[in-house]
Amino acid sequence: MGRRAKPTGKYRSKLESVAAEALGKKWIYEAEIISYLQPKDYLPDFTLKQKENKIYVEVKGFFRAGDASKYKAIHNTITEMGYDFVMVFANPDAAVRKGSLTTYRRWAEKNGIPWYGINNIHNLKRDYGS
């Protein structure tokens, strides 16, 4: 495996520095942030179909790398469709990753995602009329 070059000046890598020099001053480095979506498929753990609504439930013991942003995007997509997305956590008070002060409960609340702990999942049934 090759050795990574150290960043030079304002550029993140030696290669970017070389490219900037070759392109010239008219080319602006990292001038804009562009949001993009990667189309992916999602298979919810559980679905409750009601007359006018669907409730999608994801049950998580822990987040793998990238899960926080993935479930935030899934929540946004499902709510834009007019349906509900709910998460059930094994331990809502556990940290989302080692060393983090953010718990699953806080993460869900910050992102507007309804959540339940596995120990009070009966409240999900009560709240969503099943």
N, C-alpha and C. Protein backbone atom coordinates (compact mmCIF):
# COMPACT_ATOMS: atom_id res chain seq x y z
N MET A 1 0.84 -1.17 0.00
CA MET A 1 0.00 0.00 0.00
C MET A 1 0.89 1.24 0.00
N GLY A 2 0.57 2.22 -0.85
CA GLY A 2 1.38 3.42 -0.96
C GLY A 2 1.21 4.36 0.22
N ARG A 3 2.20 5.18 0.42
CA ARG A 3 2.17 6.15 1.49
C ARG A 3 1.35 7.35 1.06
N ARG A 4 0.50 7.85 1.92
CA ARG A 4 -0.34 8.98 1.60
C ARG A 4 0.46 10.28 1.71
N ALA A 5 0.34 11.13 0.69
CA ALA A 5 1.05 12.41 0.70
C ALA A 5 0.41 13.34 1.72
N LYS A 6 1.23 14.17 2.35
CA LYS A 6 0.73 15.13 3.32
C LYS A 6 0.07 16.30 2.60
N PRO A 7 -1.03 16.82 3.19
CA PRO A 7 -1.68 17.98 2.59
C PRO A 7 -0.72 19.16 2.48
N THR A 8 -0.94 19.95 1.45
CA THR A 8 -0.09 21.10 1.20
C THR A 8 -0.91 22.38 1.26
N GLY A 9 -0.61 23.27 2.19
CA GLY A 9 -1.30 24.55 2.28
C GLY A 9 -2.78 24.39 2.51
N LYS A 10 -3.57 25.04 1.66
CA LYS A 10 -5.02 25.01 1.86
C LYS A 10 -5.69 23.76 1.28
N TYR A 11 -4.96 22.92 0.61
CA TYR A 11 -5.54 21.73 -0.02
C TYR A 11 -5.48 20.54 0.91
N ARG A 12 -6.40 19.61 0.72
CA ARG A 12 -6.48 18.43 1.57
C ARG A 12 -5.46 17.36 1.22
N SER A 13 -4.89 17.47 0.03
CA SER A 13 -3.90 16.46 -0.36
C SER A 13 -2.88 17.08 -1.31
N LYS A 14 -1.78 16.41 -1.44
CA LYS A 14 -0.75 16.83 -2.38
C LYS A 14 -1.30 16.78 -3.81
N LEU A 15 -2.10 15.75 -4.10
CA LEU A 15 -2.68 15.61 -5.43
C LEU A 15 -3.58 16.80 -5.77
N GLU A 16 -4.40 17.26 -4.81
CA GLU A 16 -5.25 18.44 -5.05
C GLU A 16 -4.39 19.67 -5.28
N SER A 17 -3.30 19.78 -4.58
CA SER A 17 -2.38 20.91 -4.76
C SER A 17 -1.80 20.91 -6.17
N VAL A 18 -1.41 19.74 -6.65
CA VAL A 18 -0.88 19.61 -8.01
C VAL A 18 -1.96 19.96 -9.03
N ALA A 19 -3.19 19.48 -8.80
CA ALA A 19 -4.30 19.78 -9.72
C ALA A 19 -4.59 21.27 -9.74
N ALA A 20 -4.58 21.92 -8.58
CA ALA A 20 -4.86 23.35 -8.50
C ALA A 20 -3.82 24.14 -9.29
N GLU A 21 -2.58 23.75 -9.16
CA GLU A 21 -1.51 24.43 -9.89
C GLU A 21 -1.69 24.26 -11.40
N ALA A 22 -2.07 23.07 -11.81
CA ALA A 22 -2.26 22.80 -13.24
C ALA A 22 -3.48 23.51 -13.81
N LEU A 23 -4.54 23.64 -13.00
CA LEU A 23 -5.78 24.26 -13.49
C LEU A 23 -5.69 25.78 -13.55
N GLY A 24 -5.00 26.38 -12.63
CA GLY A 24 -4.86 27.84 -12.64
C GLY A 24 -5.84 28.53 -11.69
N LYS A 25 -5.73 29.85 -11.61
CA LYS A 25 -6.45 30.65 -10.63
C LYS A 25 -7.95 30.79 -10.89
N LYS A 26 -8.41 30.57 -12.12
CA LYS A 26 -9.84 30.68 -12.41
C LYS A 26 -10.66 29.57 -11.76
N TRP A 27 -10.00 28.47 -11.45
CA TRP A 27 -10.69 27.33 -10.84
C TRP A 27 -10.68 27.52 -9.32
N ILE A 28 -11.87 27.57 -8.71
CA ILE A 28 -12.01 27.82 -7.27
C ILE A 28 -12.06 26.48 -6.53
N TYR A 29 -11.23 26.36 -5.53
CA TYR A 29 -11.13 25.13 -4.75
C TYR A 29 -12.27 25.05 -3.73
N GLU A 30 -13.00 23.94 -3.72
CA GLU A 30 -14.07 23.65 -2.76
C GLU A 30 -14.97 24.86 -2.55
N ALA A 31 -15.51 25.40 -3.65
CA ALA A 31 -16.31 26.61 -3.61
C ALA A 31 -17.76 26.37 -3.19
N GLU A 32 -18.29 25.18 -3.40
CA GLU A 32 -19.70 24.91 -3.13
C GLU A 32 -19.88 23.54 -2.49
N ILE A 33 -20.91 23.44 -1.67
CA ILE A 33 -21.32 22.15 -1.14
C ILE A 33 -22.57 21.74 -1.91
N ILE A 34 -22.56 20.55 -2.46
CA ILE A 34 -23.67 20.05 -3.26
C ILE A 34 -24.24 18.83 -2.57
N SER A 35 -25.51 18.91 -2.19
CA SER A 35 -26.18 17.76 -1.58
C SER A 35 -26.56 16.77 -2.67
N TYR A 36 -26.44 15.50 -2.35
CA TYR A 36 -26.83 14.47 -3.30
C TYR A 36 -27.45 13.29 -2.55
N LEU A 37 -28.27 12.58 -3.25
CA LEU A 37 -28.90 11.39 -2.67
C LEU A 37 -28.48 10.18 -3.48
N GLN A 38 -28.22 9.13 -2.77
CA GLN A 38 -27.92 7.87 -3.43
C GLN A 38 -29.17 7.00 -3.32
N PRO A 39 -29.78 6.67 -4.46
CA PRO A 39 -30.98 5.83 -4.37
C PRO A 39 -30.64 4.47 -3.78
N LYS A 40 -31.34 4.14 -2.76
CA LYS A 40 -31.15 2.85 -2.08
C LYS A 40 -32.53 2.28 -1.79
N ASP A 41 -32.60 1.00 -1.55
CA ASP A 41 -33.85 0.37 -1.13
C ASP A 41 -33.79 0.12 0.36
N TYR A 42 -34.95 0.18 0.99
CA TYR A 42 -35.05 -0.03 2.42
C TYR A 42 -36.16 -1.04 2.69
N LEU A 43 -35.87 -2.02 3.51
CA LEU A 43 -36.85 -3.03 3.90
C LEU A 43 -37.12 -2.87 5.39
N PRO A 44 -38.26 -2.24 5.74
CA PRO A 44 -38.56 -2.03 7.17
C PRO A 44 -38.76 -3.36 7.89
N ASP A 45 -38.45 -3.34 9.19
CA ASP A 45 -38.64 -4.56 9.97
C ASP A 45 -40.11 -4.92 10.09
N PHE A 46 -40.96 -3.91 10.32
CA PHE A 46 -42.40 -4.15 10.48
C PHE A 46 -43.18 -3.03 9.82
N THR A 47 -44.37 -3.38 9.30
CA THR A 47 -45.26 -2.40 8.69
C THR A 47 -46.68 -2.66 9.20
N LEU A 48 -47.34 -1.59 9.62
CA LEU A 48 -48.75 -1.67 9.98
C LEU A 48 -49.52 -0.83 8.97
N LYS A 49 -50.41 -1.48 8.21
CA LYS A 49 -51.22 -0.77 7.22
C LYS A 49 -52.56 -0.43 7.86
N GLN A 50 -52.90 0.86 7.82
CA GLN A 50 -54.18 1.33 8.31
C GLN A 50 -54.94 1.91 7.13
N LYS A 51 -56.17 2.36 7.36
CA LYS A 51 -56.99 2.89 6.27
C LYS A 51 -56.28 3.97 5.48
N GLU A 52 -55.81 4.99 6.17
CA GLU A 52 -55.22 6.15 5.51
C GLU A 52 -53.71 6.28 5.76
N ASN A 53 -53.13 5.32 6.45
CA ASN A 53 -51.74 5.49 6.87
C ASN A 53 -51.00 4.15 6.86
N LYS A 54 -49.69 4.26 6.87
CA LYS A 54 -48.82 3.11 7.09
C LYS A 54 -47.81 3.54 8.14
N ILE A 55 -47.50 2.63 9.03
CA ILE A 55 -46.48 2.88 10.04
C ILE A 55 -45.36 1.87 9.80
N TYR A 56 -44.16 2.40 9.58
CA TYR A 56 -42.99 1.57 9.36
C TYR A 56 -42.15 1.59 10.63
N VAL A 57 -41.73 0.42 11.08
CA VAL A 57 -40.98 0.30 12.32
C VAL A 57 -39.63 -0.35 12.04
N GLU A 58 -38.59 0.28 12.56
CA GLU A 58 -37.22 -0.27 12.50
C GLU A 58 -36.78 -0.58 13.92
N VAL A 59 -36.33 -1.81 14.15
CA VAL A 59 -35.86 -2.26 15.45
C VAL A 59 -34.34 -2.34 15.41
N LYS A 60 -33.66 -1.61 16.32
CA LYS A 60 -32.20 -1.55 16.30
C LYS A 60 -31.62 -1.85 17.68
N GLY A 61 -30.63 -2.72 17.67
CA GLY A 61 -29.85 -2.96 18.87
C GLY A 61 -28.71 -1.97 18.98
N PHE A 62 -28.12 -1.64 17.83
CA PHE A 62 -27.01 -0.68 17.79
C PHE A 62 -26.89 -0.14 16.37
N PHE A 63 -26.23 0.99 16.24
CA PHE A 63 -25.97 1.58 14.92
C PHE A 63 -24.60 1.13 14.43
N ARG A 64 -24.57 0.71 13.19
CA ARG A 64 -23.28 0.50 12.51
C ARG A 64 -22.85 1.83 11.92
N ALA A 65 -21.65 1.90 11.43
CA ALA A 65 -21.16 3.13 10.80
C ALA A 65 -22.11 3.53 9.67
N GLY A 66 -22.53 4.76 9.67
CA GLY A 66 -23.40 5.28 8.63
C GLY A 66 -24.89 5.11 8.90
N ASP A 67 -25.25 4.36 9.94
CA ASP A 67 -26.67 4.13 10.21
C ASP A 67 -27.42 5.40 10.62
N ALA A 68 -26.80 6.27 11.39
CA ALA A 68 -27.49 7.47 11.84
C ALA A 68 -27.98 8.30 10.65
N SER A 69 -27.12 8.56 9.70
CA SER A 69 -27.53 9.35 8.54
C SER A 69 -28.50 8.55 7.66
N LYS A 70 -28.32 7.25 7.59
CA LYS A 70 -29.22 6.40 6.79
C LYS A 70 -30.64 6.46 7.33
N TYR A 71 -30.80 6.29 8.64
CA TYR A 71 -32.15 6.29 9.21
C TYR A 71 -32.77 7.68 9.24
N LYS A 72 -31.97 8.69 9.32
CA LYS A 72 -32.49 10.05 9.20
C LYS A 72 -33.06 10.25 7.79
N ALA A 73 -32.34 9.81 6.77
CA ALA A 73 -32.80 9.94 5.39
C ALA A 73 -34.05 9.08 5.15
N ILE A 74 -34.08 7.89 5.71
CA ILE A 74 -35.25 7.02 5.57
C ILE A 74 -36.46 7.69 6.22
N HIS A 75 -36.27 8.23 7.42
CA HIS A 75 -37.35 8.94 8.11
C HIS A 75 -37.88 10.08 7.25
N ASN A 76 -36.98 10.87 6.70
CA ASN A 76 -37.40 12.01 5.86
C ASN A 76 -38.18 11.53 4.64
N THR A 77 -37.71 10.48 4.00
CA THR A 77 -38.39 9.96 2.81
C THR A 77 -39.78 9.45 3.15
N ILE A 78 -39.89 8.67 4.21
CA ILE A 78 -41.18 8.08 4.57
C ILE A 78 -42.17 9.16 5.00
N THR A 79 -41.72 10.14 5.78
CA THR A 79 -42.64 11.20 6.20
C THR A 79 -43.04 12.09 5.02
N GLU A 80 -42.15 12.28 4.05
CA GLU A 80 -42.53 13.02 2.85
C GLU A 80 -43.59 12.26 2.05
N MET A 81 -43.60 10.95 2.17
CA MET A 81 -44.63 10.13 1.51
C MET A 81 -45.96 10.21 2.27
N GLY A 82 -45.95 10.81 3.46
CA GLY A 82 -47.16 10.96 4.26
C GLY A 82 -47.39 9.84 5.25
N TYR A 83 -46.37 9.02 5.50
CA TYR A 83 -46.50 7.91 6.42
C TYR A 83 -45.64 8.14 7.66
N ASP A 84 -45.74 7.21 8.60
CA ASP A 84 -45.00 7.32 9.86
C ASP A 84 -43.83 6.34 9.88
N PHE A 85 -42.73 6.80 10.47
CA PHE A 85 -41.54 5.98 10.67
C PHE A 85 -41.20 6.03 12.15
N VAL A 86 -41.08 4.87 12.76
CA VAL A 86 -40.85 4.76 14.20
C VAL A 86 -39.66 3.83 14.42
N MET A 87 -38.84 4.17 15.41
CA MET A 87 -37.72 3.30 15.76
C MET A 87 -37.92 2.69 17.14
N VAL A 88 -37.51 1.44 17.27
CA VAL A 88 -37.52 0.74 18.55
C VAL A 88 -36.08 0.37 18.86
N PHE A 89 -35.60 0.84 20.03
CA PHE A 89 -34.21 0.60 20.41
C PHE A 89 -34.12 -0.43 21.54
N ALA A 90 -33.08 -1.24 21.49
CA ALA A 90 -32.83 -2.19 22.56
C ALA A 90 -32.57 -1.45 23.87
N ASN A 91 -31.79 -0.37 23.79
CA ASN A 91 -31.47 0.44 24.97
C ASN A 91 -31.42 1.91 24.55
N PRO A 92 -32.52 2.64 24.69
CA PRO A 92 -32.57 4.03 24.25
C PRO A 92 -31.56 4.94 24.96
N ASP A 93 -31.09 4.52 26.13
CA ASP A 93 -30.16 5.36 26.89
C ASP A 93 -28.70 5.03 26.64
N ALA A 94 -28.43 4.10 25.75
CA ALA A 94 -27.04 3.76 25.39
C ALA A 94 -26.51 4.81 24.41
N ALA A 95 -25.20 4.99 24.42
CA ALA A 95 -24.55 5.92 23.49
C ALA A 95 -24.63 5.36 22.08
N VAL A 96 -24.83 6.25 21.10
CA VAL A 96 -24.93 5.81 19.71
C VAL A 96 -23.62 5.23 19.19
N ARG A 97 -22.52 5.62 19.80
CA ARG A 97 -21.22 5.02 19.49
C ARG A 97 -20.31 5.22 20.69
N LYS A 98 -19.30 4.43 20.76
CA LYS A 98 -18.38 4.46 21.89
C LYS A 98 -17.82 5.87 22.08
N GLY A 99 -17.91 6.37 23.31
CA GLY A 99 -17.36 7.68 23.63
C GLY A 99 -18.31 8.84 23.36
N SER A 100 -19.44 8.58 22.74
CA SER A 100 -20.39 9.65 22.42
C SER A 100 -21.27 9.97 23.62
N LEU A 101 -21.63 11.23 23.76
CA LEU A 101 -22.57 11.63 24.80
C LEU A 101 -24.01 11.54 24.30
N THR A 102 -24.19 11.36 23.01
CA THR A 102 -25.52 11.27 22.43
C THR A 102 -26.06 9.85 22.57
N THR A 103 -27.24 9.74 23.14
CA THR A 103 -27.90 8.44 23.27
C THR A 103 -28.83 8.24 22.08
N TYR A 104 -29.30 7.01 21.91
CA TYR A 104 -30.27 6.74 20.84
C TYR A 104 -31.52 7.59 21.04
N ARG A 105 -31.96 7.72 22.27
CA ARG A 105 -33.13 8.54 22.60
C ARG A 105 -32.92 9.99 22.14
N ARG A 106 -31.80 10.58 22.51
CA ARG A 106 -31.51 11.97 22.14
C ARG A 106 -31.37 12.12 20.62
N TRP A 107 -30.72 11.15 19.99
CA TRP A 107 -30.54 11.20 18.54
C TRP A 107 -31.90 11.21 17.85
N ALA A 108 -32.80 10.31 18.27
CA ALA A 108 -34.13 10.22 17.66
C ALA A 108 -34.91 11.51 17.90
N GLU A 109 -34.89 12.02 19.11
CA GLU A 109 -35.62 13.25 19.42
C GLU A 109 -35.08 14.43 18.62
N LYS A 110 -33.76 14.52 18.51
CA LYS A 110 -33.14 15.60 17.74
C LYS A 110 -33.58 15.56 16.28
N ASN A 111 -33.79 14.36 15.75
CA ASN A 111 -34.16 14.20 14.35
C ASN A 111 -35.66 14.06 14.12
N GLY A 112 -36.45 14.25 15.19
CA GLY A 112 -37.90 14.20 15.05
C GLY A 112 -38.46 12.82 14.77
N ILE A 113 -37.73 11.80 15.19
CA ILE A 113 -38.15 10.42 14.93
C ILE A 113 -38.79 9.84 16.20
N PRO A 114 -40.07 9.44 16.11
CA PRO A 114 -40.68 8.79 17.27
C PRO A 114 -39.92 7.50 17.60
N TRP A 115 -39.78 7.22 18.89
CA TRP A 115 -39.00 6.05 19.29
C TRP A 115 -39.64 5.39 20.50
N TYR A 116 -39.31 4.14 20.68
CA TYR A 116 -39.73 3.36 21.83
C TYR A 116 -38.57 2.46 22.22
N GLY A 117 -38.52 2.10 23.49
CA GLY A 117 -37.59 1.07 23.93
C GLY A 117 -38.27 -0.27 23.78
N ILE A 118 -37.50 -1.31 23.59
CA ILE A 118 -38.08 -2.65 23.44
C ILE A 118 -38.91 -3.02 24.66
N ASN A 119 -38.55 -2.48 25.82
CA ASN A 119 -39.26 -2.80 27.06
C ASN A 119 -40.61 -2.11 27.16
N ASN A 120 -40.86 -1.09 26.31
CA ASN A 120 -42.18 -0.46 26.33
C ASN A 120 -42.81 -0.45 24.93
N ILE A 121 -42.52 -1.48 24.18
CA ILE A 121 -43.04 -1.58 22.81
C ILE A 121 -44.57 -1.67 22.80
N HIS A 122 -45.15 -2.12 23.90
CA HIS A 122 -46.61 -2.15 24.00
C HIS A 122 -47.21 -0.75 23.84
N ASN A 123 -46.46 0.28 24.22
CA ASN A 123 -46.93 1.66 24.03
C ASN A 123 -47.02 2.03 22.55
N LEU A 124 -46.16 1.45 21.73
CA LEU A 124 -46.23 1.68 20.29
C LEU A 124 -47.57 1.15 19.77
N LYS A 125 -47.93 -0.05 20.18
CA LYS A 125 -49.22 -0.62 19.77
C LYS A 125 -50.38 0.27 20.24
N ARG A 126 -50.31 0.76 21.45
CA ARG A 126 -51.36 1.64 21.98
C ARG A 126 -51.42 2.94 21.18
N ASP A 127 -50.25 3.55 20.94
CA ASP A 127 -50.21 4.86 20.28
C ASP A 127 -50.63 4.82 18.83
N TYR A 128 -50.40 3.69 18.18
CA TYR A 128 -50.72 3.59 16.75
C TYR A 128 -51.96 2.72 16.49
N GLY A 129 -52.70 2.44 17.54
CA GLY A 129 -54.00 1.81 17.39
C GLY A 129 -54.00 0.41 16.79
N SER A 130 -53.10 -0.42 17.25
CA SER A 130 -53.11 -1.79 16.72
C SER A 130 -53.46 -2.79 17.81
